[in-house]
């Protein structure tokens, strides 16, 4: 059993460094991408406060398909260009959304979600997955969260 949790008063950049270190340790010798995504979803859930969903959508035959996650049941398939995750995957660009209800075409998988951060995982120039974080708080995510999850996604690109 592993216990990777930052101290409650840990500054956000340091917490994200610790998150990457934990992800590195858990995935370094494991070739199975689904197992690695499952452990990373659990790490995200433990490390980041005020989430109601944390996990992955995988690129499968031109659409996003639900991957390992923590939280309530979620939408299973998301077309490219639809919702926050679909736009992220289509554009290969992070989506930091302070209020999902103002995002054109938002897909409401969980009605309590108010803000979202979605980061593409890119390998060899192609999006292979997205990391999706949802919060019931408006404006829960900021530039430090974006930088931390983007660094995590870059590290995971060869491990999922």
C-alpha atoms as a PDB file:
ATOM      1  CA  UNK A   1       0.000   0.000   0.000  1.00  0.00           C
ATOM      2  CA  UNK A   2       1.287   3.417  -0.923  1.00  0.00           C
ATOM      3  CA  UNK A   3       0.497   6.663   0.862  1.00  0.00           C
ATOM      4  CA  UNK A   4       1.380   9.612  -1.340  1.00  0.00           C
ATOM      5  CA  UNK A   5      -0.227  12.744   0.059  1.00  0.00           C
ATOM      6  CA  UNK A   6       1.199  16.224   0.427  1.00  0.00           C
ATOM      7  CA  UNK A   7       1.014  18.065   3.721  1.00  0.00           C
ATOM      8  CA  UNK A   8      -2.170  20.151   4.050  1.00  0.00           C
ATOM      9  CA  UNK A   9      -0.159  23.414   4.028  1.00  0.00           C
ATOM     10  CA  UNK A  10       2.033  22.417   1.084  1.00  0.00           C
ATOM     11  CA  UNK A  11       2.326  25.180  -1.574  1.00  0.00           C
ATOM     12  CA  UNK A  12       0.610  24.222  -4.821  1.00  0.00           C
ATOM     13  CA  UNK A  13       3.777  24.011  -6.994  1.00  0.00           C
ATOM     14  CA  UNK A  14       5.416  21.717  -4.437  1.00  0.00           C
ATOM     15  CA  UNK A  15       2.275  19.562  -4.230  1.00  0.00           C
ATOM     16  CA  UNK A  16       2.357  19.138  -8.013  1.00  0.00           C
ATOM     17  CA  UNK A  17       6.064  18.223  -7.863  1.00  0.00           C
ATOM     18  CA  UNK A  18       5.227  15.583  -5.270  1.00  0.00           C
ATOM     19  CA  UNK A  19       2.321  14.382  -7.428  1.00  0.00           C
ATOM     20  CA  UNK A  20       4.667  13.932 -10.425  1.00  0.00           C
ATOM     21  CA  UNK A  21       7.212  12.141  -8.239  1.00  0.00           C
ATOM     22  CA  UNK A  22       4.515   9.774  -6.959  1.00  0.00           C
ATOM     23  CA  UNK A  23       3.226   9.190 -10.503  1.00  0.00           C
ATOM     24  CA  UNK A  24       6.775   8.520 -11.670  1.00  0.00           C
ATOM     25  CA  UNK A  25       7.298   5.979  -8.878  1.00  0.00           C
ATOM     26  CA  UNK A  26       4.001   4.184  -9.537  1.00  0.00           C
ATOM     27  CA  UNK A  27       4.331   3.982 -13.329  1.00  0.00           C
ATOM     28  CA  UNK A  28       8.098   3.593 -13.863  1.00  0.00           C
ATOM     29  CA  UNK A  29       8.140  -0.194 -14.210  1.00  0.00           C
ATOM     30  CA  UNK A  30       4.530  -0.858 -15.226  1.00  0.00           C
ATOM     31  CA  UNK A  31       3.899  -1.318 -18.958  1.00  0.00           C
ATOM     32  CA  UNK A  32       0.085  -1.504 -18.697  1.00  0.00           C
ATOM     33  CA  UNK A  33      -1.425   1.885 -19.572  1.00  0.00           C
ATOM     34  CA  UNK A  34      -4.821   1.193 -17.985  1.00  0.00           C
ATOM     35  CA  UNK A  35      -3.209   0.208 -14.682  1.00  0.00           C
ATOM     36  CA  UNK A  36      -1.115   3.375 -14.799  1.00  0.00           C
ATOM     37  CA  UNK A  37      -4.150   5.562 -15.532  1.00  0.00           C
ATOM     38  CA  UNK A  38      -6.032   3.940 -12.642  1.00  0.00           C
ATOM     39  CA  UNK A  39      -3.259   4.711 -10.171  1.00  0.00           C
ATOM     40  CA  UNK A  40      -2.865   8.261 -11.473  1.00  0.00           C
ATOM     41  CA  UNK A  41      -6.634   8.869 -11.150  1.00  0.00           C
ATOM     42  CA  UNK A  42      -6.369   7.765  -7.510  1.00  0.00           C
ATOM     43  CA  UNK A  43      -3.363  10.050  -6.957  1.00  0.00           C
ATOM     44  CA  UNK A  44      -5.210  13.020  -8.442  1.00  0.00           C
ATOM     45  CA  UNK A  45      -8.173  12.307  -6.176  1.00  0.00           C
ATOM     46  CA  UNK A  46      -5.918  12.171  -3.096  1.00  0.00           C
ATOM     47  CA  UNK A  47      -3.702  15.132  -3.985  1.00  0.00           C
ATOM     48  CA  UNK A  48      -6.208  17.686  -5.213  1.00  0.00           C
ATOM     49  CA  UNK A  49      -8.913  19.098  -2.935  1.00  0.00           C
ATOM     50  CA  UNK A  50     -12.375  20.151  -4.035  1.00  0.00           C
ATOM     51  CA  UNK A  51     -12.827  17.688  -6.902  1.00  0.00           C
ATOM     52  CA  UNK A  52     -15.922  15.720  -7.764  1.00  0.00           C
ATOM     53  CA  UNK A  53     -14.282  13.826 -10.667  1.00  0.00           C
ATOM     54  CA  UNK A  54     -10.709  13.036 -11.697  1.00  0.00           C
ATOM     55  CA  UNK A  55      -9.630  10.722 -14.452  1.00  0.00           C
ATOM     56  CA  UNK A  56      -8.980   9.962 -18.077  1.00  0.00           C
ATOM     57  CA  UNK A  57     -10.709   9.763 -21.389  1.00  0.00           C
ATOM     58  CA  UNK A  58      -8.782   7.692 -23.954  1.00  0.00           C
ATOM     59  CA  UNK A  59      -8.665   8.322 -27.682  1.00  0.00           C
ATOM     60  CA  UNK A  60     -10.197   5.260 -29.354  1.00  0.00           C
ATOM     61  CA  UNK A  61     -10.974   5.197 -33.073  1.00  0.00           C
ATOM     62  CA  UNK A  62     -11.403   8.960 -33.354  1.00  0.00           C
ATOM     63  CA  UNK A  63     -13.452   9.619 -30.217  1.00  0.00           C
ATOM     64  CA  UNK A  64     -12.893   9.875 -26.490  1.00  0.00           C
ATOM     65  CA  UNK A  65     -13.838   6.814 -24.459  1.00  0.00           C
ATOM     66  CA  UNK A  66     -14.068   6.766 -20.678  1.00  0.00           C
ATOM     67  CA  UNK A  67     -10.945   5.512 -18.921  1.00  0.00           C
ATOM     68  CA  UNK A  68     -10.026   5.003 -15.276  1.00  0.00           C
ATOM     69  CA  UNK A  69     -11.422   7.649 -12.920  1.00  0.00           C
ATOM     70  CA  UNK A  70     -12.507   8.543  -9.402  1.00  0.00           C
ATOM     71  CA  UNK A  71     -15.943  10.033  -8.853  1.00  0.00           C
ATOM     72  CA  UNK A  72     -19.506   9.452  -9.959  1.00  0.00           C
ATOM     73  CA  UNK A  73     -20.384   7.516 -13.133  1.00  0.00           C
ATOM     74  CA  UNK A  74     -19.529   9.545 -16.233  1.00  0.00           C
ATOM     75  CA  UNK A  75     -20.302   9.949 -19.909  1.00  0.00           C
ATOM     76  CA  UNK A  76     -18.812   6.978 -21.755  1.00  0.00           C
ATOM     77  CA  UNK A  77     -18.134   8.431 -25.224  1.00  0.00           C
ATOM     78  CA  UNK A  78     -17.409  12.014 -26.204  1.00  0.00           C
ATOM     79  CA  UNK A  79     -17.074  13.084 -29.847  1.00  0.00           C
ATOM     80  CA  UNK A  80     -14.146  15.306 -30.780  1.00  0.00           C
ATOM     81  CA  UNK A  81     -15.091  18.962 -30.606  1.00  0.00           C
ATOM     82  CA  UNK A  82     -17.980  18.364 -28.172  1.00  0.00           C
ATOM     83  CA  UNK A  83     -17.827  19.571 -24.600  1.00  0.00           C
ATOM     84  CA  UNK A  84     -14.688  20.602 -22.746  1.00  0.00           C
ATOM     85  CA  UNK A  85     -12.973  17.221 -23.185  1.00  0.00           C
ATOM     86  CA  UNK A  86     -13.833  16.943 -26.875  1.00  0.00           C
ATOM     87  CA  UNK A  87     -12.528  20.452 -27.603  1.00  0.00           C
ATOM     88  CA  UNK A  88      -9.329  19.700 -25.683  1.00  0.00           C
ATOM     89  CA  UNK A  89      -8.751  16.513 -27.677  1.00  0.00           C
ATOM     90  CA  UNK A  90      -9.641  18.066 -31.029  1.00  0.00           C
ATOM     91  CA  UNK A  91      -7.401  21.117 -30.534  1.00  0.00           C
ATOM     92  CA  UNK A  92      -4.665  19.330 -28.511  1.00  0.00           C
ATOM     93  CA  UNK A  93      -4.899  22.289 -26.141  1.00  0.00           C
ATOM     94  CA  UNK A  94      -5.577  22.598 -22.433  1.00  0.00           C
ATOM     95  CA  UNK A  95      -9.029  23.857 -21.473  1.00  0.00           C
ATOM     96  CA  UNK A  96      -9.241  25.741 -18.162  1.00  0.00           C
ATOM     97  CA  UNK A  97     -12.901  26.609 -17.660  1.00  0.00           C
ATOM     98  CA  UNK A  98     -13.923  28.712 -14.661  1.00  0.00           C
ATOM     99  CA  UNK A  99     -17.656  28.211 -15.262  1.00  0.00           C
ATOM    100  CA  UNK A 100     -18.668  25.200 -17.351  1.00  0.00           C
ATOM    101  CA  UNK A 101     -22.203  26.533 -17.695  1.00  0.00           C
ATOM    102  CA  UNK A 102     -20.848  29.331 -19.906  1.00  0.00           C
ATOM    103  CA  UNK A 103     -18.813  26.925 -22.090  1.00  0.00           C
ATOM    104  CA  UNK A 104     -20.539  26.462 -25.474  1.00  0.00           C
ATOM    105  CA  UNK A 105     -21.656  22.858 -25.877  1.00  0.00           C
ATOM    106  CA  UNK A 106     -20.733  21.809 -22.338  1.00  0.00           C
ATOM    107  CA  UNK A 107     -21.673  18.175 -21.666  1.00  0.00           C
ATOM    108  CA  UNK A 108     -23.106  17.852 -18.155  1.00  0.00           C
ATOM    109  CA  UNK A 109     -22.063  14.371 -17.032  1.00  0.00           C
ATOM    110  CA  UNK A 110     -22.474  15.471 -13.397  1.00  0.00           C
ATOM    111  CA  UNK A 111     -24.793  18.368 -12.605  1.00  0.00           C
ATOM    112  CA  UNK A 112     -22.716  19.481  -9.596  1.00  0.00           C
ATOM    113  CA  UNK A 113     -19.655  20.308 -11.744  1.00  0.00           C
ATOM    114  CA  UNK A 114     -19.043  24.053 -12.047  1.00  0.00           C
ATOM    115  CA  UNK A 115     -15.420  24.272 -13.222  1.00  0.00           C
ATOM    116  CA  UNK A 116     -13.147  22.012 -15.220  1.00  0.00           C
ATOM    117  CA  UNK A 117      -9.525  21.558 -16.237  1.00  0.00           C
ATOM    118  CA  UNK A 118      -8.815  19.236 -19.163  1.00  0.00           C
ATOM    119  CA  UNK A 119      -5.261  18.587 -20.370  1.00  0.00           C
ATOM    120  CA  UNK A 120      -4.280  16.585 -23.456  1.00  0.00           C
ATOM    121  CA  UNK A 121      -1.801  13.730 -23.205  1.00  0.00           C
ATOM    122  CA  UNK A 122       0.180  13.869 -26.443  1.00  0.00           C
ATOM    123  CA  UNK A 123       2.504  11.192 -27.813  1.00  0.00           C
ATOM    124  CA  UNK A 124       4.323  11.574 -31.139  1.00  0.00           C
ATOM    125  CA  UNK A 125       2.207  14.636 -31.964  1.00  0.00           C
ATOM    126  CA  UNK A 126      -1.148  12.901 -31.418  1.00  0.00           C
ATOM    127  CA  UNK A 127      -3.591  13.164 -28.518  1.00  0.00           C
ATOM    128  CA  UNK A 128      -3.827   9.709 -26.936  1.00  0.00           C
ATOM    129  CA  UNK A 129      -5.923  10.725 -23.902  1.00  0.00           C
ATOM    130  CA  UNK A 130      -7.054  13.669 -21.818  1.00  0.00           C
ATOM    131  CA  UNK A 131      -6.795  14.186 -18.085  1.00  0.00           C
ATOM    132  CA  UNK A 132     -10.122  15.582 -16.864  1.00  0.00           C
ATOM    133  CA  UNK A 133     -10.593  17.298 -13.505  1.00  0.00           C
ATOM    134  CA  UNK A 134     -14.021  18.547 -12.395  1.00  0.00           C
ATOM    135  CA  UNK A 135     -14.944  20.616  -9.358  1.00  0.00           C
ATOM    136  CA  UNK A 136     -18.216  21.738  -7.793  1.00  0.00           C
ATOM    137  CA  UNK A 137     -16.512  25.112  -7.125  1.00  0.00           C
ATOM    138  CA  UNK A 138     -16.507  27.847  -9.754  1.00  0.00           C
ATOM    139  CA  UNK A 139     -12.997  28.961 -10.746  1.00  0.00           C
ATOM    140  CA  UNK A 140     -11.438  26.069  -8.783  1.00  0.00           C
ATOM    141  CA  UNK A 141      -8.504  25.754 -11.212  1.00  0.00           C
ATOM    142  CA  UNK A 142      -5.799  28.311 -11.983  1.00  0.00           C
ATOM    143  CA  UNK A 143      -2.536  28.646 -13.918  1.00  0.00           C
ATOM    144  CA  UNK A 144      -0.623  26.671 -11.259  1.00  0.00           C
ATOM    145  CA  UNK A 145      -3.063  23.776 -11.615  1.00  0.00           C
ATOM    146  CA  UNK A 146      -2.746  23.963 -15.382  1.00  0.00           C
ATOM    147  CA  UNK A 147       1.071  23.917 -15.255  1.00  0.00           C
ATOM    148  CA  UNK A 148       1.085  21.041 -12.771  1.00  0.00           C
ATOM    149  CA  UNK A 149      -1.286  18.844 -14.761  1.00  0.00           C
ATOM    150  CA  UNK A 150       0.445  19.685 -18.053  1.00  0.00           C
ATOM    151  CA  UNK A 151       3.764  18.523 -16.547  1.00  0.00           C
ATOM    152  CA  UNK A 152       2.066  15.338 -15.341  1.00  0.00           C
ATOM    153  CA  UNK A 153       0.562  14.719 -18.795  1.00  0.00           C
ATOM    154  CA  UNK A 154       3.960  15.150 -20.454  1.00  0.00           C
ATOM    155  CA  UNK A 155       5.523  12.631 -18.058  1.00  0.00           C
ATOM    156  CA  UNK A 156       2.680  10.138 -18.623  1.00  0.00           C
ATOM    157  CA  UNK A 157       2.715  10.326 -22.427  1.00  0.00           C
ATOM    158  CA  UNK A 158       4.980   7.280 -22.726  1.00  0.00           C
ATOM    159  CA  UNK A 159       3.323   5.357 -19.880  1.00  0.00           C
ATOM    160  CA  UNK A 160      -0.333   5.161 -20.798  1.00  0.00           C
END
